[in-house]
Amino acid sequence: MEEQKEIRNYLSDSTRRMVLSQIISFSKAVSASELLDKLPITNRSTIYNILDRLTELNLIKRQEVKFGGSDRVFYSPNHDLISNDFFRSLLQEFRDLEKPPIMDLEFKYTWDDFPDCLIMGDTLRLTIVFGSWMAEAASTIDALFVPEISQMLSYWANKNKKIPIENILINSVLDYQAIQSKNENMLVIGSGAINRITSEIMSLYDEKLPIKFITPSSKNIHSTLTDVTYSEESPVGLLTGIVAMLPNPWDKSKVIILCAGSKNVGTQASLKALLDNIESSIQLKDQVISNHSKFPEIPIRIIKAEGDELLTKMIQQKSPKIQEYEFIE
């Protein structure tokens, strides 16, 4: 409560609200220089003081990124805080405070286009984004099947599509390093409780996503297509994950492949299905991942991990490796 009081008091000043609103209005992280170009603030120290305090209050996130030999600093909204009930009350209190925009969702690509959609011209580009933050640290088991995915994707591009090896550009970053990769094709691994890029995607598309995590940092999955919630408190929900082909909100000509689960077994299942899909493409077989079974225009599936004693091992705080998976929606 004391923290909320501090936030309310600080935002009672209209200039501070204006800076926060401008940051929220962007769909990407922004620098102080970009903000100065948009705002009627001429004093650089004023903007930096406000940015520092907004960061301290956890309303925005500060990211340092290396460009060449120097560091650059970017700011983005803390989507978890600005999507909660307290922030909604601030929107009512301060009418000039910006509500985070919800982006339109149009599926330019579906699973029918994968993995060809990763190729532009004679180049394949993909950035793999691992989680590093929030509710708990990402586990190395979340990365199972990722080396094989990179290897098989490279093999497919070179052998099936004749892409030169030097034009197959697959790299890996942690979520906080992904700022310069946001306009690329991305494979984003883990829920918003693990991966801040997942959290940002959930916030930017919000209710436009027909299958999503209930809140940006939640592990509970809800499908509006079937009106079913897969709660991490239930045996089925513990084993479920999302495998989705989404338009990149920062560059809609690119795609985001989301592989994320309520727990790491759901994430594993999504990644295993992705690997199997690429292997099927190499062998010119039918795709393993199809669009939604009841809504074939929607490239989002809910997947469930299968394996002997998975639930028992999870209750024992072990990190089991899945054996099989099935699509349940």
C-alpha atoms as a PDB file:
ATOM      1  CA  MET A   1       0.000   0.000   0.000  1.00  0.00           C
ATOM      2  CA  GLU A   2       2.842   2.409   0.798  1.00  0.00           C
ATOM      3  CA  GLU A   3       4.340   1.766  -2.647  1.00  0.00           C
ATOM      4  CA  GLN A   4       1.000   2.490  -4.314  1.00  0.00           C
ATOM      5  CA  LYS A   5       0.751   5.729  -2.350  1.00  0.00           C
ATOM      6  CA  GLU A   6       4.216   6.746  -3.556  1.00  0.00           C
ATOM      7  CA  ILE A   7       3.226   6.061  -7.154  1.00  0.00           C
ATOM      8  CA  ARG A   8      -0.006   8.018  -6.877  1.00  0.00           C
ATOM      9  CA  ASN A   9       1.760  10.982  -5.271  1.00  0.00           C
ATOM     10  CA  TYR A  10       4.510  10.998  -7.888  1.00  0.00           C
ATOM     11  CA  LEU A  11       2.058  10.862 -10.758  1.00  0.00           C
ATOM     12  CA  SER A  12       0.048  13.765  -9.389  1.00  0.00           C
ATOM     13  CA  ASP A  13       2.378  15.930 -11.488  1.00  0.00           C
ATOM     14  CA  SER A  14       1.137  16.201 -15.082  1.00  0.00           C
ATOM     15  CA  THR A  15       4.643  16.356 -16.622  1.00  0.00           C
ATOM     16  CA  ARG A  16       5.555  13.023 -15.038  1.00  0.00           C
ATOM     17  CA  ARG A  17       2.307  11.500 -16.285  1.00  0.00           C
ATOM     18  CA  MET A  18       3.046  12.848 -19.753  1.00  0.00           C
ATOM     19  CA  VAL A  19       6.442  11.086 -19.823  1.00  0.00           C
ATOM     20  CA  LEU A  20       4.930   7.800 -18.635  1.00  0.00           C
ATOM     21  CA  SER A  21       2.085   8.081 -21.145  1.00  0.00           C
ATOM     22  CA  GLN A  22       4.517   8.647 -23.996  1.00  0.00           C
ATOM     23  CA  ILE A  23       6.515   5.535 -23.051  1.00  0.00           C
ATOM     24  CA  ILE A  24       3.325   3.462 -22.857  1.00  0.00           C
ATOM     25  CA  SER A  25       2.186   4.705 -26.262  1.00  0.00           C
ATOM     26  CA  PHE A  26       5.235   3.220 -28.004  1.00  0.00           C
ATOM     27  CA  SER A  27       5.148  -0.427 -29.074  1.00  0.00           C
ATOM     28  CA  LYS A  28       8.932  -0.652 -28.576  1.00  0.00           C
ATOM     29  CA  ALA A  29      11.495   0.414 -26.022  1.00  0.00           C
ATOM     30  CA  VAL A  30      12.560   4.041 -26.485  1.00  0.00           C
ATOM     31  CA  SER A  31      15.559   6.166 -25.635  1.00  0.00           C
ATOM     32  CA  ALA A  32      15.541   9.461 -23.764  1.00  0.00           C
ATOM     33  CA  SER A  33      16.415  11.235 -27.026  1.00  0.00           C
ATOM     34  CA  GLU A  34      13.356   9.761 -28.753  1.00  0.00           C
ATOM     35  CA  LEU A  35      11.176  10.914 -25.868  1.00  0.00           C
ATOM     36  CA  LEU A  36      12.608  14.445 -26.016  1.00  0.00           C
ATOM     37  CA  ASP A  37      11.671  14.588 -29.709  1.00  0.00           C
ATOM     38  CA  LYS A  38       8.050  13.806 -28.809  1.00  0.00           C
ATOM     39  CA  LEU A  39       7.615  15.825 -25.622  1.00  0.00           C
ATOM     40  CA  PRO A  40       7.537  19.570 -24.859  1.00  0.00           C
ATOM     41  CA  ILE A  41      10.480  19.141 -22.461  1.00  0.00           C
ATOM     42  CA  THR A  42      13.698  20.924 -23.361  1.00  0.00           C
ATOM     43  CA  ASN A  43      15.815  20.200 -20.279  1.00  0.00           C
ATOM     44  CA  ARG A  44      17.581  16.835 -20.581  1.00  0.00           C
ATOM     45  CA  SER A  45      18.185  16.582 -16.834  1.00  0.00           C
ATOM     46  CA  THR A  46      14.418  16.872 -16.251  1.00  0.00           C
ATOM     47  CA  ILE A  47      13.640  13.894 -18.485  1.00  0.00           C
ATOM     48  CA  TYR A  48      16.442  11.812 -16.959  1.00  0.00           C
ATOM     49  CA  ASN A  49      15.280  12.580 -13.411  1.00  0.00           C
ATOM     50  CA  ILE A  50      11.735  11.526 -14.294  1.00  0.00           C
ATOM     51  CA  LEU A  51      12.948   8.357 -16.022  1.00  0.00           C
ATOM     52  CA  ASP A  52      15.072   7.416 -13.019  1.00  0.00           C
ATOM     53  CA  ARG A  53      12.157   7.863 -10.622  1.00  0.00           C
ATOM     54  CA  LEU A  54       9.683   5.992 -12.859  1.00  0.00           C
ATOM     55  CA  THR A  55      12.206   3.148 -12.945  1.00  0.00           C
ATOM     56  CA  GLU A  56      12.566   3.193  -9.141  1.00  0.00           C
ATOM     57  CA  LEU A  57       8.773   3.000  -8.811  1.00  0.00           C
ATOM     58  CA  ASN A  58       8.789  -0.004 -11.178  1.00  0.00           C
ATOM     59  CA  LEU A  59       6.456   1.720 -13.650  1.00  0.00           C
ATOM     60  CA  ILE A  60       9.010   1.364 -16.438  1.00  0.00           C
ATOM     61  CA  LYS A  61      11.987  -0.868 -17.173  1.00  0.00           C
ATOM     62  CA  ARG A  62      15.472   0.367 -17.983  1.00  0.00           C
ATOM     63  CA  GLN A  63      17.591  -1.671 -20.395  1.00  0.00           C
ATOM     64  CA  GLU A  64      21.230  -1.148 -21.332  1.00  0.00           C
ATOM     65  CA  VAL A  65      22.181  -2.467 -24.760  1.00  0.00           C
ATOM     66  CA  LYS A  66      25.610  -2.516 -26.352  1.00  0.00           C
ATOM     67  CA  PHE A  67      25.830  -0.884 -29.776  1.00  0.00           C
ATOM     68  CA  GLY A  68      29.327  -1.104 -31.150  1.00  0.00           C
ATOM     69  CA  GLY A  69      31.649  -0.090 -28.357  1.00  0.00           C
ATOM     70  CA  SER A  70      29.153   1.944 -26.350  1.00  0.00           C
ATOM     71  CA  ASP A  71      26.085   1.326 -24.178  1.00  0.00           C
ATOM     72  CA  ARG A  72      22.683   2.750 -25.022  1.00  0.00           C
ATOM     73  CA  VAL A  73      19.784   2.949 -22.604  1.00  0.00           C
ATOM     74  CA  PHE A  74      16.165   2.231 -23.512  1.00  0.00           C
ATOM     75  CA  TYR A  75      12.936   2.399 -21.539  1.00  0.00           C
ATOM     76  CA  SER A  76       9.746   0.377 -21.827  1.00  0.00           C
ATOM     77  CA  PRO A  77       6.576   0.001 -19.734  1.00  0.00           C
ATOM     78  CA  ASN A  78       6.421  -2.545 -16.939  1.00  0.00           C
ATOM     79  CA  HIS A  79       3.441  -4.349 -18.448  1.00  0.00           C
ATOM     80  CA  ASP A  80       2.730  -6.345 -15.292  1.00  0.00           C
ATOM     81  CA  LEU A  81       2.240  -3.259 -13.163  1.00  0.00           C
ATOM     82  CA  ILE A  82       0.319  -1.217 -15.704  1.00  0.00           C
ATOM     83  CA  SER A  83      -2.070  -4.100 -16.417  1.00  0.00           C
ATOM     84  CA  ASN A  84      -3.168  -4.599 -12.787  1.00  0.00           C
ATOM     85  CA  ASP A  85      -6.196  -3.253 -10.902  1.00  0.00           C
ATOM     86  CA  PHE A  86      -4.219  -0.490  -9.189  1.00  0.00           C
ATOM     87  CA  PHE A  87      -3.115   1.022 -12.484  1.00  0.00           C
ATOM     88  CA  ARG A  88      -6.675   0.812 -13.808  1.00  0.00           C
ATOM     89  CA  SER A  89      -7.750   2.924 -10.840  1.00  0.00           C
ATOM     90  CA  LEU A  90      -5.054   5.469 -11.744  1.00  0.00           C
ATOM     91  CA  LEU A  91      -6.476   5.667 -15.262  1.00  0.00           C
ATOM     92  CA  GLN A  92      -9.770   6.741 -13.727  1.00  0.00           C
ATOM     93  CA  GLU A  93      -8.093   9.226 -11.406  1.00  0.00           C
ATOM     94  CA  PHE A  94      -5.711  10.773 -13.950  1.00  0.00           C
ATOM     95  CA  ARG A  95      -7.654  11.027 -17.185  1.00  0.00           C
ATOM     96  CA  ASP A  96      -4.609  12.120 -19.193  1.00  0.00           C
ATOM     97  CA  LEU A  97      -2.697   8.968 -18.294  1.00  0.00           C
ATOM     98  CA  GLU A  98      -2.267   6.705 -21.293  1.00  0.00           C
ATOM     99  CA  LYS A  99      -3.839   3.283 -21.344  1.00  0.00           C
ATOM    100  CA  PRO A 100      -1.542   0.729 -23.014  1.00  0.00           C
ATOM    101  CA  PRO A 101      -2.798   0.299 -26.580  1.00  0.00           C
ATOM    102  CA  ILE A 102      -4.124  -3.087 -27.619  1.00  0.00           C
ATOM    103  CA  MET A 103      -2.809  -3.995 -31.031  1.00  0.00           C
ATOM    104  CA  ASP A 104      -4.880  -5.481 -33.824  1.00  0.00           C
ATOM    105  CA  LEU A 105      -4.174  -9.125 -34.477  1.00  0.00           C
ATOM    106  CA  GLU A 106      -4.163 -10.327 -38.075  1.00  0.00           C
ATOM    107  CA  PHE A 107      -2.482 -13.611 -38.882  1.00  0.00           C
ATOM    108  CA  LYS A 108      -0.378 -12.950 -41.972  1.00  0.00           C
ATOM    109  CA  TYR A 109       1.258 -16.368 -41.578  1.00  0.00           C
ATOM    110  CA  THR A 110      -0.098 -19.632 -40.197  1.00  0.00           C
ATOM    111  CA  TRP A 111       1.454 -23.037 -39.595  1.00  0.00           C
ATOM    112  CA  ASP A 112       0.824 -23.781 -43.265  1.00  0.00           C
ATOM    113  CA  ASP A 113       3.603 -21.255 -44.009  1.00  0.00           C
ATOM    114  CA  PHE A 114       6.163 -22.651 -41.569  1.00  0.00           C
ATOM    115  CA  PRO A 115       9.147 -22.773 -41.809  1.00  0.00           C
ATOM    116  CA  ASP A 116       9.179 -20.971 -45.181  1.00  0.00           C
ATOM    117  CA  CYS A 117       8.011 -17.749 -43.504  1.00  0.00           C
ATOM    118  CA  LEU A 118      11.435 -17.434 -41.858  1.00  0.00           C
ATOM    119  CA  ILE A 119      13.079 -16.917 -45.240  1.00  0.00           C
ATOM    120  CA  MET A 120      13.306 -13.553 -46.965  1.00  0.00           C
ATOM    121  CA  GLY A 121      15.116 -13.555 -50.277  1.00  0.00           C
ATOM    122  CA  ASP A 122      18.079 -15.875 -49.889  1.00  0.00           C
ATOM    123  CA  THR A 123      18.399 -15.444 -46.099  1.00  0.00           C
ATOM    124  CA  LEU A 124      16.847 -17.203 -43.127  1.00  0.00           C
ATOM    125  CA  ARG A 125      16.799 -15.174 -39.918  1.00  0.00           C
ATOM    126  CA  LEU A 126      15.660 -16.308 -36.477  1.00  0.00           C
ATOM    127  CA  THR A 127      16.423 -15.031 -32.988  1.00  0.00           C
ATOM    128  CA  ILE A 128      15.808 -17.489 -30.147  1.00  0.00           C
ATOM    129  CA  VAL A 129      14.797 -15.634 -26.962  1.00  0.00           C
ATOM    130  CA  PHE A 130      15.282 -17.293 -23.577  1.00  0.00           C
ATOM    131  CA  GLY A 131      13.678 -16.003 -20.375  1.00  0.00           C
ATOM    132  CA  SER A 132      15.691 -14.674 -17.473  1.00  0.00           C
ATOM    133  CA  TRP A 133      13.407 -12.899 -15.050  1.00  0.00           C
ATOM    134  CA  MET A 134      10.293 -12.336 -12.969  1.00  0.00           C
ATOM    135  CA  ALA A 135       8.511 -14.974 -10.891  1.00  0.00           C
ATOM    136  CA  GLU A 136      11.294 -17.534 -11.090  1.00  0.00           C
ATOM    137  CA  ALA A 137      14.474 -18.109 -13.014  1.00  0.00           C
ATOM    138  CA  ALA A 138      14.182 -19.976 -16.256  1.00  0.00           C
ATOM    139  CA  SER A 139      15.442 -23.549 -16.000  1.00  0.00           C
ATOM    140  CA  THR A 140      17.901 -25.099 -18.415  1.00  0.00           C
ATOM    141  CA  ILE A 141      15.276 -27.769 -19.046  1.00  0.00           C
ATOM    142  CA  ASP A 142      13.230 -25.065 -20.792  1.00  0.00           C
ATOM    143  CA  ALA A 143      15.902 -25.155 -23.501  1.00  0.00           C
ATOM    144  CA  LEU A 144      15.581 -28.857 -24.254  1.00  0.00           C
ATOM    145  CA  PHE A 145      15.297 -29.472 -28.006  1.00  0.00           C
ATOM    146  CA  VAL A 146      16.540 -25.962 -28.878  1.00  0.00           C
ATOM    147  CA  PRO A 147      19.963 -27.075 -30.223  1.00  0.00           C
ATOM    148  CA  GLU A 148      18.206 -29.715 -32.319  1.00  0.00           C
ATOM    149  CA  ILE A 149      15.738 -27.114 -33.608  1.00  0.00           C
ATOM    150  CA  SER A 150      18.601 -24.860 -34.731  1.00  0.00           C
ATOM    151  CA  GLN A 151      20.409 -27.766 -36.361  1.00  0.00           C
ATOM    152  CA  MET A 152      17.363 -29.154 -38.171  1.00  0.00           C
ATOM    153  CA  LEU A 153      16.218 -25.709 -39.305  1.00  0.00           C
ATOM    154  CA  SER A 154      19.666 -25.007 -40.751  1.00  0.00           C
ATOM    155  CA  TYR A 155      19.698 -28.384 -42.474  1.00  0.00           C
ATOM    156  CA  TRP A 156      16.223 -27.797 -43.962  1.00  0.00           C
ATOM    157  CA  ALA A 157      17.124 -24.304 -45.210  1.00  0.00           C
ATOM    158  CA  ASN A 158      20.367 -25.467 -46.807  1.00  0.00           C
ATOM    159  CA  LYS A 159      19.275 -28.821 -48.269  1.00  0.00           C
ATOM    160  CA  ASN A 160      15.606 -28.239 -49.067  1.00  0.00           C
ATOM    161  CA  LYS A 161      15.694 -24.516 -49.895  1.00  0.00           C
ATOM    162  CA  LYS A 162      19.298 -24.135 -51.103  1.00  0.00           C
ATOM    163  CA  ILE A 163      20.010 -21.259 -48.721  1.00  0.00           C
ATOM    164  CA  PRO A 164      23.787 -20.727 -48.417  1.00  0.00           C
ATOM    165  CA  ILE A 165      25.105 -21.660 -44.972  1.00  0.00           C
ATOM    166  CA  GLU A 166      26.440 -18.127 -44.465  1.00  0.00           C
ATOM    167  CA  ASN A 167      22.896 -16.775 -44.996  1.00  0.00           C
ATOM    168  CA  ILE A 168      21.368 -18.917 -42.261  1.00  0.00           C
ATOM    169  CA  LEU A 169      21.393 -16.499 -39.340  1.00  0.00           C
ATOM    170  CA  ILE A 170      20.163 -18.104 -36.117  1.00  0.00           C
ATOM    171  CA  ASN A 171      21.228 -16.531 -32.846  1.00  0.00           C
ATOM    172  CA  SER A 172      20.190 -16.752 -29.196  1.00  0.00           C
ATOM    173  CA  VAL A 173      19.667 -13.966 -26.651  1.00  0.00           C
ATOM    174  CA  LEU A 174      18.189 -13.506 -23.204  1.00  0.00           C
ATOM    175  CA  ASP A 175      14.955 -11.544 -23.070  1.00  0.00           C
ATOM    176  CA  TYR A 176      16.562  -8.356 -21.748  1.00  0.00           C
ATOM    177  CA  GLN A 177      19.033  -8.441 -24.665  1.00  0.00           C
ATOM    178  CA  ALA A 178      16.307  -8.813 -27.294  1.00  0.00           C
ATOM    179  CA  ILE A 179      15.690  -5.126 -27.893  1.00  0.00           C
ATOM    180  CA  GLN A 180      17.733  -5.020 -31.105  1.00  0.00           C
ATOM    181  CA  SER A 181      16.082  -8.249 -32.295  1.00  0.00           C
ATOM    182  CA  LYS A 182      12.464  -7.217 -31.832  1.00  0.00           C
ATOM    183  CA  ASN A 183      11.978  -6.510 -35.526  1.00  0.00           C
ATOM    184  CA  GLU A 184      13.213 -10.001 -36.493  1.00  0.00           C
ATOM    185  CA  ASN A 185      11.613 -13.433 -36.581  1.00  0.00           C
ATOM    186  CA  MET A 186      11.741 -14.735 -33.021  1.00  0.00           C
ATOM    187  CA  LEU A 187      11.321 -18.055 -31.249  1.00  0.00           C
ATOM    188  CA  VAL A 188      10.216 -16.984 -27.774  1.00  0.00           C
ATOM    189  CA  ILE A 189      10.532 -19.636 -25.073  1.00  0.00           C
ATOM    190  CA  GLY A 190       8.609 -19.633 -21.793  1.00  0.00           C
ATOM    191  CA  SER A 191       5.593 -17.953 -20.221  1.00  0.00           C
ATOM    192  CA  GLY A 192       5.510 -14.314 -19.117  1.00  0.00           C
ATOM    193  CA  ALA A 193       6.518 -15.469 -15.636  1.00  0.00           C
ATOM    194  CA  ILE A 194       9.873 -16.383 -17.175  1.00  0.00           C
ATOM    195  CA  ASN A 195      10.258 -14.378 -20.369  1.00  0.00           C
ATOM    196  CA  ARG A 196       9.616 -10.639 -20.517  1.00  0.00           C
ATOM    197  CA  ILE A 197       9.092 -10.789 -24.300  1.00  0.00           C
ATOM    198  CA  THR A 198       6.186 -13.201 -23.747  1.00  0.00           C
ATOM    199  CA  SER A 199       4.825 -10.801 -21.135  1.00  0.00           C
ATOM    200  CA  GLU A 200       5.032  -7.879 -23.572  1.00  0.00           C
ATOM    201  CA  ILE A 201       3.283  -9.879 -26.308  1.00  0.00           C
ATOM    202  CA  MET A 202       0.466 -10.828 -23.927  1.00  0.00           C
ATOM    203  CA  SER A 203       0.051  -7.149 -22.997  1.00  0.00           C
ATOM    204  CA  LEU A 204       0.227  -5.761 -26.526  1.00  0.00           C
ATOM    205  CA  TYR A 205      -2.356  -8.159 -27.973  1.00  0.00           C
ATOM    206  CA  ASP A 206      -4.304  -8.727 -24.723  1.00  0.00           C
ATOM    207  CA  GLU A 207      -7.899  -9.888 -25.362  1.00  0.00           C
ATOM    208  CA  LYS A 208      -7.265 -10.005 -29.121  1.00  0.00           C
ATOM    209  CA  LEU A 209      -5.386 -13.255 -28.513  1.00  0.00           C
ATOM    210  CA  PRO A 210      -7.926 -16.099 -28.610  1.00  0.00           C
ATOM    211  CA  ILE A 211      -5.623 -18.345 -26.556  1.00  0.00           C
ATOM    212  CA  LYS A 212      -3.327 -16.693 -24.046  1.00  0.00           C
ATOM    213  CA  PHE A 213      -2.002 -16.588 -20.524  1.00  0.00           C
ATOM    214  CA  ILE A 214      -4.678 -14.975 -18.359  1.00  0.00           C
ATOM    215  CA  THR A 215      -2.390 -12.087 -17.354  1.00  0.00           C
ATOM    216  CA  PRO A 216       0.996 -11.133 -18.840  1.00  0.00           C
ATOM    217  CA  SER A 217       2.895 -12.917 -16.048  1.00  0.00           C
ATOM    218  CA  SER A 218       0.387 -15.692 -15.372  1.00  0.00           C
ATOM    219  CA  LYS A 219       1.002 -19.387 -15.934  1.00  0.00           C
ATOM    220  CA  ASN A 220      -2.688 -20.138 -16.375  1.00  0.00           C
ATOM    221  CA  ILE A 221      -3.829 -20.531 -19.974  1.00  0.00           C
ATOM    222  CA  HIS A 222      -7.301 -19.547 -21.162  1.00  0.00           C
ATOM    223  CA  SER A 223      -8.941 -20.325 -24.487  1.00  0.00           C
ATOM    224  CA  THR A 224     -11.827 -18.101 -25.562  1.00  0.00           C
ATOM    225  CA  LEU A 225     -12.344 -20.507 -28.455  1.00  0.00           C
ATOM    226  CA  THR A 226     -13.565 -23.252 -26.130  1.00  0.00           C
ATOM    227  CA  ASP A 227     -14.048 -21.211 -22.938  1.00  0.00           C
ATOM    228  CA  VAL A 228     -11.679 -23.506 -21.059  1.00  0.00           C
ATOM    229  CA  THR A 229      -9.061 -22.426 -18.511  1.00  0.00           C
ATOM    230  CA  TYR A 230      -6.036 -24.654 -18.056  1.00  0.00           C
ATOM    231  CA  SER A 231      -4.997 -23.795 -14.510  1.00  0.00           C
ATOM    232  CA  GLU A 232      -1.589 -24.697 -13.116  1.00  0.00           C
ATOM    233  CA  GLU A 233      -3.516 -25.880 -10.056  1.00  0.00           C
ATOM    234  CA  SER A 234      -5.083 -28.726 -12.068  1.00  0.00           C
ATOM    235  CA  PRO A 235      -3.342 -31.929 -13.253  1.00  0.00           C
ATOM    236  CA  VAL A 236      -4.086 -31.130 -16.903  1.00  0.00           C
ATOM    237  CA  GLY A 237      -3.100 -27.476 -16.589  1.00  0.00           C
ATOM    238  CA  LEU A 238       0.265 -28.396 -15.085  1.00  0.00           C
ATOM    239  CA  LEU A 239       1.140 -30.264 -18.261  1.00  0.00           C
ATOM    240  CA  THR A 240      -0.161 -27.833 -20.877  1.00  0.00           C
ATOM    241  CA  GLY A 241       1.566 -25.359 -23.127  1.00  0.00           C
ATOM    242  CA  ILE A 242       0.949 -23.016 -26.037  1.00  0.00           C
ATOM    243  CA  VAL A 243       2.589 -23.363 -29.438  1.00  0.00           C
ATOM    244  CA  ALA A 244       1.657 -20.376 -31.591  1.00  0.00           C
ATOM    245  CA  MET A 245       2.592 -18.570 -34.784  1.00  0.00           C
ATOM    246  CA  LEU A 246       1.962 -14.873 -34.098  1.00  0.00           C
ATOM    247  CA  PRO A 247       2.625 -11.707 -36.074  1.00  0.00           C
ATOM    248  CA  ASN A 248       5.552  -9.855 -34.557  1.00  0.00           C
ATOM    249  CA  PRO A 249       3.952  -6.772 -32.920  1.00  0.00           C
ATOM    250  CA  TRP A 250       7.122  -4.754 -33.576  1.00  0.00           C
ATOM    251  CA  ASP A 251       7.274  -5.674 -37.274  1.00  0.00           C
ATOM    252  CA  LYS A 252       4.237  -7.466 -38.616  1.00  0.00           C
ATOM    253  CA  SER A 253       6.060  -8.708 -41.685  1.00  0.00           C
ATOM    254  CA  LYS A 254       7.922 -11.013 -39.276  1.00  0.00           C
ATOM    255  CA  VAL A 255       6.684 -13.807 -37.022  1.00  0.00           C
ATOM    256  CA  ILE A 256       6.944 -14.831 -33.422  1.00  0.00           C
ATOM    257  CA  ILE A 257       6.895 -18.531 -32.673  1.00  0.00           C
ATOM    258  CA  LEU A 258       5.772 -18.865 -29.074  1.00  0.00           C
ATOM    259  CA  CYS A 259       6.575 -22.056 -27.161  1.00  0.00           C
ATOM    260  CA  ALA A 260       5.435 -21.603 -23.598  1.00  0.00           C
ATOM    261  CA  GLY A 261       3.942 -23.731 -20.855  1.00  0.00           C
ATOM    262  CA  SER A 262       2.358 -23.448 -17.447  1.00  0.00           C
ATOM    263  CA  LYS A 263       5.414 -25.398 -16.290  1.00  0.00           C
ATOM    264  CA  ASN A 264       8.566 -26.484 -18.077  1.00  0.00           C
ATOM    265  CA  VAL A 265       6.995 -29.738 -19.308  1.00  0.00           C
ATOM    266  CA  GLY A 266       4.462 -27.741 -21.330  1.00  0.00           C
ATOM    267  CA  THR A 267       7.275 -25.651 -22.794  1.00  0.00           C
ATOM    268  CA  GLN A 268       9.161 -28.857 -23.612  1.00  0.00           C
ATOM    269  CA  ALA A 269       6.109 -30.271 -25.380  1.00  0.00           C
ATOM    270  CA  SER A 270       5.802 -27.141 -27.524  1.00  0.00           C
ATOM    271  CA  LEU A 271       9.485 -27.244 -28.474  1.00  0.00           C
ATOM    272  CA  LYS A 272       9.363 -30.975 -29.214  1.00  0.00           C
ATOM    273  CA  ALA A 273       6.377 -30.442 -31.520  1.00  0.00           C
ATOM    274  CA  LEU A 274       8.266 -27.627 -33.269  1.00  0.00           C
ATOM    275  CA  LEU A 275      11.278 -29.895 -33.781  1.00  0.00           C
ATOM    276  CA  ASP A 276       9.081 -32.698 -35.135  1.00  0.00           C
ATOM    277  CA  ASN A 277       7.433 -30.208 -37.480  1.00  0.00           C
ATOM    278  CA  ILE A 278      10.794 -29.156 -38.943  1.00  0.00           C
ATOM    279  CA  GLU A 279      11.857 -32.783 -39.371  1.00  0.00           C
ATOM    280  CA  SER A 280       8.594 -33.435 -41.249  1.00  0.00           C
ATOM    281  CA  SER A 281       9.381 -30.499 -43.540  1.00  0.00           C
ATOM    282  CA  ILE A 282      12.793 -31.980 -44.296  1.00  0.00           C
ATOM    283  CA  GLN A 283      11.170 -35.301 -45.189  1.00  0.00           C
ATOM    284  CA  LEU A 284       8.392 -33.568 -47.165  1.00  0.00           C
ATOM    285  CA  LYS A 285       5.739 -35.082 -44.907  1.00  0.00           C
ATOM    286  CA  ASP A 286       2.565 -33.524 -43.511  1.00  0.00           C
ATOM    287  CA  GLN A 287       3.022 -30.817 -40.913  1.00  0.00           C
ATOM    288  CA  VAL A 288       2.967 -31.955 -37.275  1.00  0.00           C
ATOM    289  CA  ILE A 289       1.583 -28.621 -36.062  1.00  0.00           C
ATOM    290  CA  SER A 290      -1.585 -27.506 -37.763  1.00  0.00           C
ATOM    291  CA  ASN A 291      -3.817 -24.541 -37.088  1.00  0.00           C
ATOM    292  CA  HIS A 292      -6.535 -24.826 -34.444  1.00  0.00           C
ATOM    293  CA  SER A 293      -8.657 -27.934 -34.964  1.00  0.00           C
ATOM    294  CA  LYS A 294     -11.970 -26.065 -34.679  1.00  0.00           C
ATOM    295  CA  PHE A 295     -10.835 -22.691 -36.067  1.00  0.00           C
ATOM    296  CA  PRO A 296      -8.426 -23.459 -38.926  1.00  0.00           C
ATOM    297  CA  GLU A 297      -7.578 -19.792 -39.550  1.00  0.00           C
ATOM    298  CA  ILE A 298      -6.007 -19.486 -36.083  1.00  0.00           C
ATOM    299  CA  PRO A 299      -2.402 -20.786 -35.781  1.00  0.00           C
ATOM    300  CA  ILE A 300      -2.463 -21.348 -32.009  1.00  0.00           C
ATOM    301  CA  ARG A 301      -2.598 -24.755 -30.360  1.00  0.00           C
ATOM    302  CA  ILE A 302      -2.752 -26.010 -26.796  1.00  0.00           C
ATOM    303  CA  ILE A 303      -0.470 -28.969 -26.254  1.00  0.00           C
ATOM    304  CA  LYS A 304      -0.170 -31.392 -23.343  1.00  0.00           C
ATOM    305  CA  ALA A 305       2.980 -33.207 -22.237  1.00  0.00           C
ATOM    306  CA  GLU A 306       2.824 -36.979 -21.921  1.00  0.00           C
ATOM    307  CA  GLY A 307       5.156 -39.296 -20.025  1.00  0.00           C
ATOM    308  CA  ASP A 308       5.375 -41.835 -17.239  1.00  0.00           C
ATOM    309  CA  GLU A 309       4.910 -40.324 -13.781  1.00  0.00           C
ATOM    310  CA  LEU A 310       5.295 -36.747 -15.012  1.00  0.00           C
ATOM    311  CA  LEU A 311       2.992 -35.341 -12.344  1.00  0.00           C
ATOM    312  CA  THR A 312       4.652 -37.365  -9.584  1.00  0.00           C
ATOM    313  CA  LYS A 313       8.084 -36.112 -10.584  1.00  0.00           C
ATOM    314  CA  MET A 314       6.848 -32.528 -10.739  1.00  0.00           C
ATOM    315  CA  ILE A 315       5.329 -32.768  -7.255  1.00  0.00           C
ATOM    316  CA  GLN A 316       8.706 -34.043  -6.055  1.00  0.00           C
ATOM    317  CA  GLN A 317      10.272 -30.846  -7.483  1.00  0.00           C
ATOM    318  CA  LYS A 318      12.109 -32.814 -10.132  1.00  0.00           C
ATOM    319  CA  SER A 319      12.495 -31.586 -13.711  1.00  0.00           C
ATOM    320  CA  PRO A 320      11.390 -34.506 -15.855  1.00  0.00           C
ATOM    321  CA  LYS A 321      11.999 -34.830 -19.553  1.00  0.00           C
ATOM    322  CA  ILE A 322       8.798 -35.474 -21.487  1.00  0.00           C
ATOM    323  CA  GLN A 323       8.372 -38.537 -23.640  1.00  0.00           C
ATOM    324  CA  GLU A 324       5.398 -37.638 -25.824  1.00  0.00           C
ATOM    325  CA  TYR A 325       2.793 -34.946 -26.320  1.00  0.00           C
ATOM    326  CA  GLU A 326      -0.715 -34.524 -27.652  1.00  0.00           C
ATOM    327  CA  PHE A 327      -2.686 -31.550 -28.961  1.00  0.00           C
ATOM    328  CA  ILE A 328      -5.747 -31.030 -26.786  1.00  0.00           C
ATOM    329  CA  GLU A 329      -7.006 -27.941 -28.590  1.00  0.00           C
END
